[in-house]
Amino acid sequence: MTTRRTFLKQAACAAASAIAAPEILAAGDTGQPLIVPKGDGLKITGTFLDEISHDIPHQNWGEKEWDRDFRYMKSIGIDTVIVIRSGYRKFITYPSPYLLKKGCYMPSVDLIDMFLRLAQEYGMKFWFGLYDSGKYWDTGDLSQEIEDNKYVIDEVWKMYGEKYTSFGGWYISGEISRKTKGAIEAFHAMGKQCKDVSGGLPTFISPWIDGKKAIMGTGKLTNDQAVSVAEHEREWNEIFDGIHDVVDACAFQDGHIDYDELDAFFSVNKRLADKYGMQCWTNAETFDRDMPINFLPIKFDKLRMKLEAAKRCGYDKAITFEFSHFMSPQSAYLQAGHLFDRYKEYFGI
């Protein structure tokens, strides 16, 4: 006879079995075939590491979580990791003698050393992002970035550059767009110092296109002074002309223009990069700029369309901002793991 007690016991056992033995699906085995061609985009092979968070929540990972994330990155073909900034205002990623004397806070762990070790273990190249004092965001003046990074570049190379073969390059972290005062001089000065101190290791920048979605901090829904394709080409031709001897690649952020504008702007970017002998990368943003909430993982089809445009236009590499928050299965955002799965299905990984 089934009593209330035996019924509850049987139900609990059944639930425990269901939890202990979930159905395991192979990669891409969802039973929902795609109605678009698979793998027709440029694969993401690089990601920023946003450990000095500015406008997205900190995930408070230790080395165990970072090690797991590097394995997830490696599993989809990521071979390049870029610390997006080595410090922002008073928070820093490593015990910088110069920045600590300026009043920055001592970090609890040396993140640069950890990232370099993990990159070396997983066969990746690590690119060091320069320090961001915040003065540019306050005043529009880049001179303080040049001054601070004179010391940061030298000390970082002495502390890590000769120690780790995974140290592969430099990211000049100032996020600029058109008509930024002093941009050519600042990027040239910092790029030249990076190359001089490291024996010519490559450098790159990741500016933004002043498109219709370039609205952060304006209070507007769209940018009513969005740049035209012709203006974008003219202005960036001038900038590339002034920095191409010390900047090896440019990865424009792809989220500030609409999806039907991708080919027009991407074609200009590729043409300019080719003209000046630079690599043309795309910063394929994996967060969604179309949402009223900042910032959530992007809808897969939006990412797919951007990667397909990059492939059509002959781009050299796709990196993203950024895997750990917006694509990782262990992200604080549940949607990020789903984006990881959809990405793997599309590329047959």
Protein backbone atom coordinates (compact mmCIF):
# COMPACT_ATOMS: atom_id res chain seq x y z
CA MET A 1 0.00 0.00 0.00
CA THR A 2 1.28 3.47 -0.88
CA THR A 3 1.15 5.73 2.13
CA ARG A 4 1.72 9.47 2.10
CA ARG A 5 5.19 8.84 3.52
CA THR A 6 6.21 6.26 0.88
CA PHE A 7 4.78 8.43 -1.90
CA LEU A 8 6.87 11.41 -0.80
CA LYS A 9 9.95 9.18 -0.49
CA GLN A 10 9.45 7.80 -4.03
CA ALA A 11 8.91 11.28 -5.42
CA ALA A 12 12.08 12.57 -3.73
CA CYS A 13 14.13 9.67 -5.16
CA ALA A 14 12.78 10.34 -8.66
CA ALA A 15 13.64 14.03 -8.40
CA ALA A 16 17.14 13.25 -7.16
CA SER A 17 17.69 10.89 -10.09
CA ALA A 18 16.58 13.56 -12.54
CA ILE A 19 19.00 16.06 -11.04
CA ALA A 20 21.89 13.60 -10.87
CA ALA A 21 21.54 12.38 -14.45
CA PRO A 22 20.49 15.23 -16.76
CA GLU A 23 20.20 14.60 -20.47
CA ILE A 24 23.52 15.43 -22.12
CA LEU A 25 23.38 16.94 -25.61
CA ALA A 26 26.33 16.95 -27.95
CA ALA A 27 27.50 20.33 -29.21
CA GLY A 28 24.99 21.58 -31.75
CA ASP A 29 22.53 18.74 -31.07
CA THR A 30 19.45 20.80 -30.33
CA GLY A 31 16.99 19.36 -32.79
CA GLN A 32 16.48 22.86 -34.19
CA PRO A 33 18.24 23.20 -37.55
CA LEU A 34 19.47 26.62 -38.64
CA ILE A 35 17.82 28.15 -41.71
CA VAL A 36 20.92 30.22 -42.51
CA PRO A 37 24.28 28.86 -43.72
CA LYS A 38 26.43 27.69 -40.83
CA GLY A 39 29.89 29.07 -40.18
CA ASP A 40 29.62 31.93 -42.66
CA GLY A 41 31.17 34.49 -40.32
CA LEU A 42 34.63 35.35 -39.05
CA LYS A 43 35.43 33.33 -35.93
CA ILE A 44 36.24 35.17 -32.73
CA THR A 45 39.88 34.41 -31.88
CA GLY A 46 40.57 37.10 -29.29
CA THR A 47 38.91 38.65 -26.28
CA PHE A 48 39.40 41.53 -23.92
CA LEU A 49 39.73 40.74 -20.21
CA ASP A 50 37.76 43.40 -18.32
CA GLU A 51 39.11 42.93 -14.83
CA ILE A 52 39.15 46.63 -13.97
CA SER A 53 35.44 47.05 -14.54
CA HIS A 54 34.09 50.49 -15.36
CA ASP A 55 30.46 50.03 -16.38
CA ILE A 56 29.74 46.30 -16.05
CA PRO A 57 29.56 44.34 -12.78
CA HIS A 58 32.65 42.71 -11.35
CA GLN A 59 32.41 38.90 -11.15
CA ASN A 60 34.91 38.52 -8.30
CA TRP A 61 36.69 35.54 -9.83
CA GLY A 62 39.83 34.00 -8.40
CA GLU A 63 42.42 31.97 -10.28
CA LYS A 64 40.24 28.83 -10.23
CA GLU A 65 37.44 30.62 -12.13
CA TRP A 66 39.87 32.34 -14.50
CA ASP A 67 41.58 29.03 -15.26
CA ARG A 68 38.21 27.52 -16.14
CA ASP A 69 37.39 30.51 -18.35
CA PHE A 70 40.68 30.21 -20.24
CA ARG A 71 39.73 26.58 -20.95
CA TYR A 72 36.34 27.71 -22.28
CA MET A 73 38.08 30.32 -24.45
CA LYS A 74 40.56 27.76 -25.77
CA SER A 75 37.73 25.36 -26.63
CA ILE A 76 36.30 27.76 -29.24
CA GLY A 77 39.63 28.81 -30.75
CA ILE A 78 40.55 31.96 -28.83
CA ASP A 79 44.31 32.49 -29.08
CA THR A 80 44.62 36.12 -27.95
CA VAL A 81 43.68 37.76 -24.63
CA ILE A 82 43.92 41.50 -24.03
CA VAL A 83 43.73 43.18 -20.64
CA ILE A 84 41.48 46.10 -21.58
CA ARG A 85 43.21 48.45 -19.16
CA SER A 86 45.88 47.80 -16.55
CA GLY A 87 44.26 50.33 -14.27
CA TYR A 88 41.41 52.81 -14.19
CA ARG A 89 41.72 55.85 -11.96
CA LYS A 90 42.85 54.40 -8.58
CA PHE A 91 42.15 50.71 -9.16
CA ILE A 92 45.00 48.75 -10.75
CA THR A 93 45.70 45.17 -11.85
CA TYR A 94 49.29 44.78 -10.66
CA PRO A 95 51.51 46.29 -7.94
CA SER A 96 52.81 49.18 -10.01
CA PRO A 97 55.55 51.07 -8.13
CA TYR A 98 54.75 54.24 -10.09
CA LEU A 99 50.96 54.13 -9.72
CA LEU A 100 51.06 53.17 -6.03
CA LYS A 101 53.18 56.25 -5.35
CA LYS A 102 50.50 58.31 -7.12
CA GLY A 103 47.85 57.10 -4.66
CA CYS A 104 46.41 54.09 -6.47
CA TYR A 105 45.13 51.19 -4.38
CA MET A 106 47.17 48.02 -3.88
CA PRO A 107 45.43 45.07 -5.61
CA SER A 108 44.95 41.88 -3.59
CA VAL A 109 46.52 39.74 -6.34
CA ASP A 110 48.81 40.39 -9.30
CA LEU A 111 46.36 39.90 -12.16
CA ILE A 112 48.89 40.63 -14.90
CA ASP A 113 51.16 37.84 -13.67
CA MET A 114 48.17 35.48 -13.41
CA PHE A 115 46.91 36.26 -16.92
CA LEU A 116 50.39 35.85 -18.39
CA ARG A 117 50.78 32.47 -16.66
CA LEU A 118 47.38 31.25 -17.85
CA ALA A 119 48.02 32.51 -21.38
CA GLN A 120 51.33 30.66 -21.42
CA GLU A 121 49.72 27.47 -20.12
CA TYR A 122 46.97 27.53 -22.76
CA GLY A 123 49.16 28.60 -25.68
CA MET A 124 47.72 32.08 -26.04
CA LYS A 125 49.27 35.50 -26.56
CA PHE A 126 48.63 38.17 -23.93
CA TRP A 127 48.41 41.85 -24.91
CA PHE A 128 48.89 44.46 -22.21
CA GLY A 129 46.37 47.32 -22.06
CA LEU A 130 47.81 50.64 -20.91
CA TYR A 131 46.75 52.61 -17.83
CA ASP A 132 43.70 54.89 -17.97
CA SER A 133 43.89 57.78 -15.48
CA GLY A 134 40.31 58.90 -16.22
CA LYS A 135 41.52 62.42 -17.00
CA TYR A 136 40.63 62.04 -20.68
CA TRP A 137 37.03 61.18 -19.79
CA ASP A 138 36.86 64.20 -17.50
CA THR A 139 38.55 66.79 -19.71
CA GLY A 140 39.00 65.36 -23.21
CA ASP A 141 42.76 65.83 -22.82
CA LEU A 142 45.04 62.83 -23.51
CA SER A 143 48.25 64.40 -22.18
CA GLN A 144 47.97 62.72 -18.76
CA GLU A 145 47.69 59.32 -20.43
CA ILE A 146 50.98 59.92 -22.23
CA GLU A 147 52.70 61.02 -19.02
CA ASP A 148 51.50 58.14 -16.82
CA ASN A 149 52.15 55.48 -19.41
CA LYS A 150 55.75 56.62 -19.88
CA TYR A 151 56.40 54.94 -16.53
CA VAL A 152 53.85 52.11 -16.79
CA ILE A 153 55.19 50.82 -20.12
CA ASP A 154 58.78 50.73 -18.88
CA GLU A 155 58.05 49.06 -15.54
CA VAL A 156 55.66 46.47 -16.99
CA TRP A 157 58.20 45.36 -19.55
CA LYS A 158 60.86 45.03 -16.84
CA MET A 159 58.49 43.13 -14.52
CA TYR A 160 56.89 40.76 -17.02
CA GLY A 161 58.06 41.20 -20.60
CA GLU A 162 61.32 39.32 -20.33
CA LYS A 163 59.83 36.72 -17.98
CA TYR A 164 56.93 35.43 -20.08
CA THR A 165 56.99 34.35 -23.72
CA SER A 166 53.19 34.79 -23.70
CA PHE A 167 53.67 38.60 -23.60
CA GLY A 168 52.68 39.21 -27.21
CA GLY A 169 51.81 42.86 -27.67
CA TRP A 170 50.30 46.10 -26.44
CA TYR A 171 46.83 47.64 -26.46
CA ILE A 172 46.76 51.44 -26.49
CA SER A 173 43.65 51.66 -24.38
CA GLY A 174 42.34 55.15 -25.07
CA GLU A 175 38.88 54.73 -26.61
CA ILE A 176 38.62 57.56 -29.07
CA SER A 177 36.45 58.46 -32.03
CA ARG A 178 36.52 61.20 -34.64
CA LYS A 179 38.04 64.60 -33.92
CA THR A 180 39.50 63.59 -30.54
CA LYS A 181 41.88 66.37 -29.57
CA GLY A 182 45.49 65.22 -29.58
CA ALA A 183 44.69 61.63 -30.57
CA ILE A 184 47.33 61.31 -33.28
CA GLU A 185 50.10 62.69 -31.08
CA ALA A 186 49.07 60.61 -28.05
CA PHE A 187 48.68 57.33 -29.92
CA HIS A 188 51.95 57.88 -31.74
CA ALA A 189 53.88 58.65 -28.55
CA MET A 190 52.51 55.66 -26.64
CA GLY A 191 52.75 53.28 -29.59
CA LYS A 192 56.36 54.24 -30.26
CA GLN A 193 57.37 53.73 -26.64
CA CYS A 194 55.68 50.31 -26.51
CA LYS A 195 57.56 49.20 -29.61
CA ASP A 196 60.89 50.70 -28.56
CA VAL A 197 60.92 49.08 -25.12
CA SER A 198 59.81 45.63 -26.29
CA GLY A 199 61.87 45.22 -29.43
CA GLY A 200 59.01 45.92 -31.79
CA LEU A 201 56.11 43.89 -30.37
CA PRO A 202 52.82 44.77 -32.14
CA THR A 203 50.32 47.35 -30.92
CA PHE A 204 46.65 47.92 -31.64
CA ILE A 205 43.79 50.32 -30.92
CA SER A 206 40.03 49.82 -30.64
CA PRO A 207 38.22 53.12 -31.33
CA TRP A 208 34.51 53.61 -31.82
CA ILE A 209 32.60 54.73 -34.89
CA ASP A 210 30.52 57.85 -34.23
CA GLY A 211 27.37 56.20 -35.56
CA LYS A 212 23.70 56.46 -34.72
CA LYS A 213 24.10 54.28 -31.59
CA ALA A 214 26.94 56.39 -30.14
CA ILE A 215 24.70 57.82 -27.41
CA MET A 216 26.36 56.88 -24.10
CA GLY A 217 26.05 59.75 -21.66
CA THR A 218 24.00 61.92 -24.03
CA GLY A 219 20.54 61.04 -22.76
CA LYS A 220 19.37 60.57 -26.35
CA LEU A 221 17.89 57.51 -28.04
CA THR A 222 19.89 58.03 -31.23
CA ASN A 223 22.84 60.17 -32.26
CA ASP A 224 21.39 62.93 -34.45
CA GLN A 225 24.90 63.92 -35.56
CA ALA A 226 26.01 60.47 -36.65
CA VAL A 227 29.01 60.42 -38.95
CA SER A 228 28.51 59.63 -42.64
CA VAL A 229 30.54 56.93 -44.33
CA ALA A 230 32.43 59.57 -46.34
CA GLU A 231 33.25 61.64 -43.23
CA HIS A 232 34.37 58.52 -41.39
CA GLU A 233 36.76 57.65 -44.21
CA ARG A 234 38.17 61.16 -44.46
CA GLU A 235 38.75 61.59 -40.73
CA TRP A 236 40.25 58.14 -40.13
CA ASN A 237 42.46 58.48 -43.18
CA GLU A 238 44.06 61.44 -41.42
CA ILE A 239 44.44 59.52 -38.13
CA PHE A 240 45.87 56.38 -39.78
CA ASP A 241 48.30 58.51 -41.73
CA GLY A 242 49.70 59.85 -38.46
CA ILE A 243 49.96 56.58 -36.49
CA HIS A 244 50.45 53.68 -38.91
CA ASP A 245 54.21 53.45 -38.31
CA VAL A 246 53.68 52.59 -34.62
CA VAL A 247 50.18 51.02 -34.59
CA ASP A 248 49.91 47.64 -36.27
CA ALA A 249 46.17 46.93 -36.10
CA CYS A 250 42.87 48.71 -35.62
CA ALA A 251 39.79 46.94 -34.22
CA PHE A 252 36.85 49.33 -34.55
CA GLN A 253 34.03 48.65 -32.08
CA ASP A 254 31.16 47.36 -34.20
CA GLY A 255 28.18 48.24 -32.01
CA HIS A 256 27.64 51.93 -32.78
CA ILE A 257 26.27 51.48 -36.30
CA ASP A 258 23.14 49.72 -37.49
CA TYR A 259 23.20 46.24 -39.00
CA ASP A 260 22.37 47.47 -42.51
CA GLU A 261 25.35 49.87 -42.31
CA LEU A 262 27.94 47.22 -41.48
CA ASP A 263 29.21 46.55 -45.00
CA ALA A 264 29.59 50.22 -45.89
CA PHE A 265 31.64 51.10 -42.79
CA PHE A 266 33.54 47.80 -42.71
CA SER A 267 34.61 48.23 -46.33
CA VAL A 268 36.03 51.67 -45.54
CA ASN A 269 37.88 50.31 -42.50
CA LYS A 270 39.45 47.52 -44.53
CA ARG A 271 40.40 49.87 -47.37
CA LEU A 272 42.10 52.30 -44.98
CA ALA A 273 43.94 49.52 -43.13
CA ASP A 274 45.23 48.10 -46.41
CA LYS A 275 46.31 51.54 -47.58
CA TYR A 276 48.49 52.05 -44.49
CA GLY A 277 49.73 48.48 -44.09
CA MET A 278 47.75 47.85 -40.90
CA GLN A 279 45.80 44.76 -39.84
CA CYS A 280 42.03 45.23 -39.97
CA TRP A 281 40.36 43.62 -36.95
CA THR A 282 36.80 43.92 -35.69
CA ASN A 283 35.83 44.35 -32.05
CA ALA A 284 32.69 42.21 -32.24
CA GLU A 285 30.82 43.39 -29.19
CA THR A 286 29.00 40.56 -27.44
CA PHE A 287 26.80 42.92 -25.41
CA ASP A 288 23.64 44.45 -26.80
CA ARG A 289 23.51 48.20 -27.47
CA ASP A 290 19.86 48.02 -28.58
CA MET A 291 18.52 47.34 -25.09
CA PRO A 292 17.30 49.97 -22.59
CA ILE A 293 19.41 48.18 -19.94
CA ASN A 294 23.22 48.47 -19.95
CA PHE A 295 24.69 45.89 -20.57
CA LEU A 296 23.29 42.44 -21.35
CA PRO A 297 24.55 39.62 -23.61
CA ILE A 298 23.71 40.20 -27.25
CA LYS A 299 21.09 38.32 -29.26
CA PHE A 300 22.91 35.64 -31.26
CA ASP A 301 21.59 36.77 -34.67
CA LYS A 302 23.00 40.25 -34.12
CA LEU A 303 26.43 38.83 -33.38
CA ARG A 304 26.15 36.49 -36.37
CA MET A 305 25.34 39.35 -38.74
CA LYS A 306 28.34 41.36 -37.53
CA LEU A 307 30.74 38.42 -37.90
CA GLU A 308 29.37 37.65 -41.38
CA ALA A 309 29.94 41.26 -42.46
CA ALA A 310 33.52 41.10 -41.16
CA LYS A 311 34.16 37.97 -43.22
CA ARG A 312 32.58 39.47 -46.36
CA CYS A 313 34.81 42.52 -46.05
CA GLY A 314 37.99 40.49 -45.67
CA TYR A 315 38.84 41.36 -42.07
CA ASP A 316 41.97 39.78 -40.59
CA LYS A 317 40.78 38.94 -37.07
CA ALA A 318 37.76 39.18 -34.78
CA ILE A 319 38.14 39.96 -31.10
CA THR A 320 35.33 40.65 -28.65
CA PHE A 321 34.37 42.73 -25.67
CA GLU A 322 34.13 40.47 -23.99
CA PHE A 323 33.99 36.74 -23.50
CA SER A 324 33.96 36.39 -19.71
CA HIS A 325 30.86 38.50 -19.04
CA PHE A 326 28.87 37.99 -22.23
CA MET A 327 29.78 34.55 -23.67
CA SER A 328 31.18 32.43 -20.86
CA PRO A 329 29.17 29.48 -19.51
CA GLN A 330 30.18 30.61 -16.01
CA SER A 331 29.23 34.26 -16.47
CA ALA A 332 27.02 36.00 -13.93
CA TYR A 333 24.58 36.38 -16.84
CA LEU A 334 22.66 33.17 -17.61
CA GLN A 335 22.19 34.33 -21.21
CA ALA A 336 25.95 34.31 -21.81
CA GLY A 337 26.17 30.53 -21.65
CA HIS A 338 23.32 30.25 -24.14
CA LEU A 339 25.18 32.60 -26.50
CA PHE A 340 28.23 30.33 -26.12
CA ASP A 341 26.08 27.33 -27.15
CA ARG A 342 24.50 29.10 -30.15
CA TYR A 343 27.96 30.27 -31.28
CA LYS A 344 29.31 26.71 -31.12
CA GLU A 345 26.31 25.37 -33.07
CA TYR A 346 26.78 27.96 -35.80
CA PHE A 347 30.49 27.24 -36.23
CA GLY A 348 30.17 23.49 -35.67
CA ILE A 349 32.52 23.50 -32.68
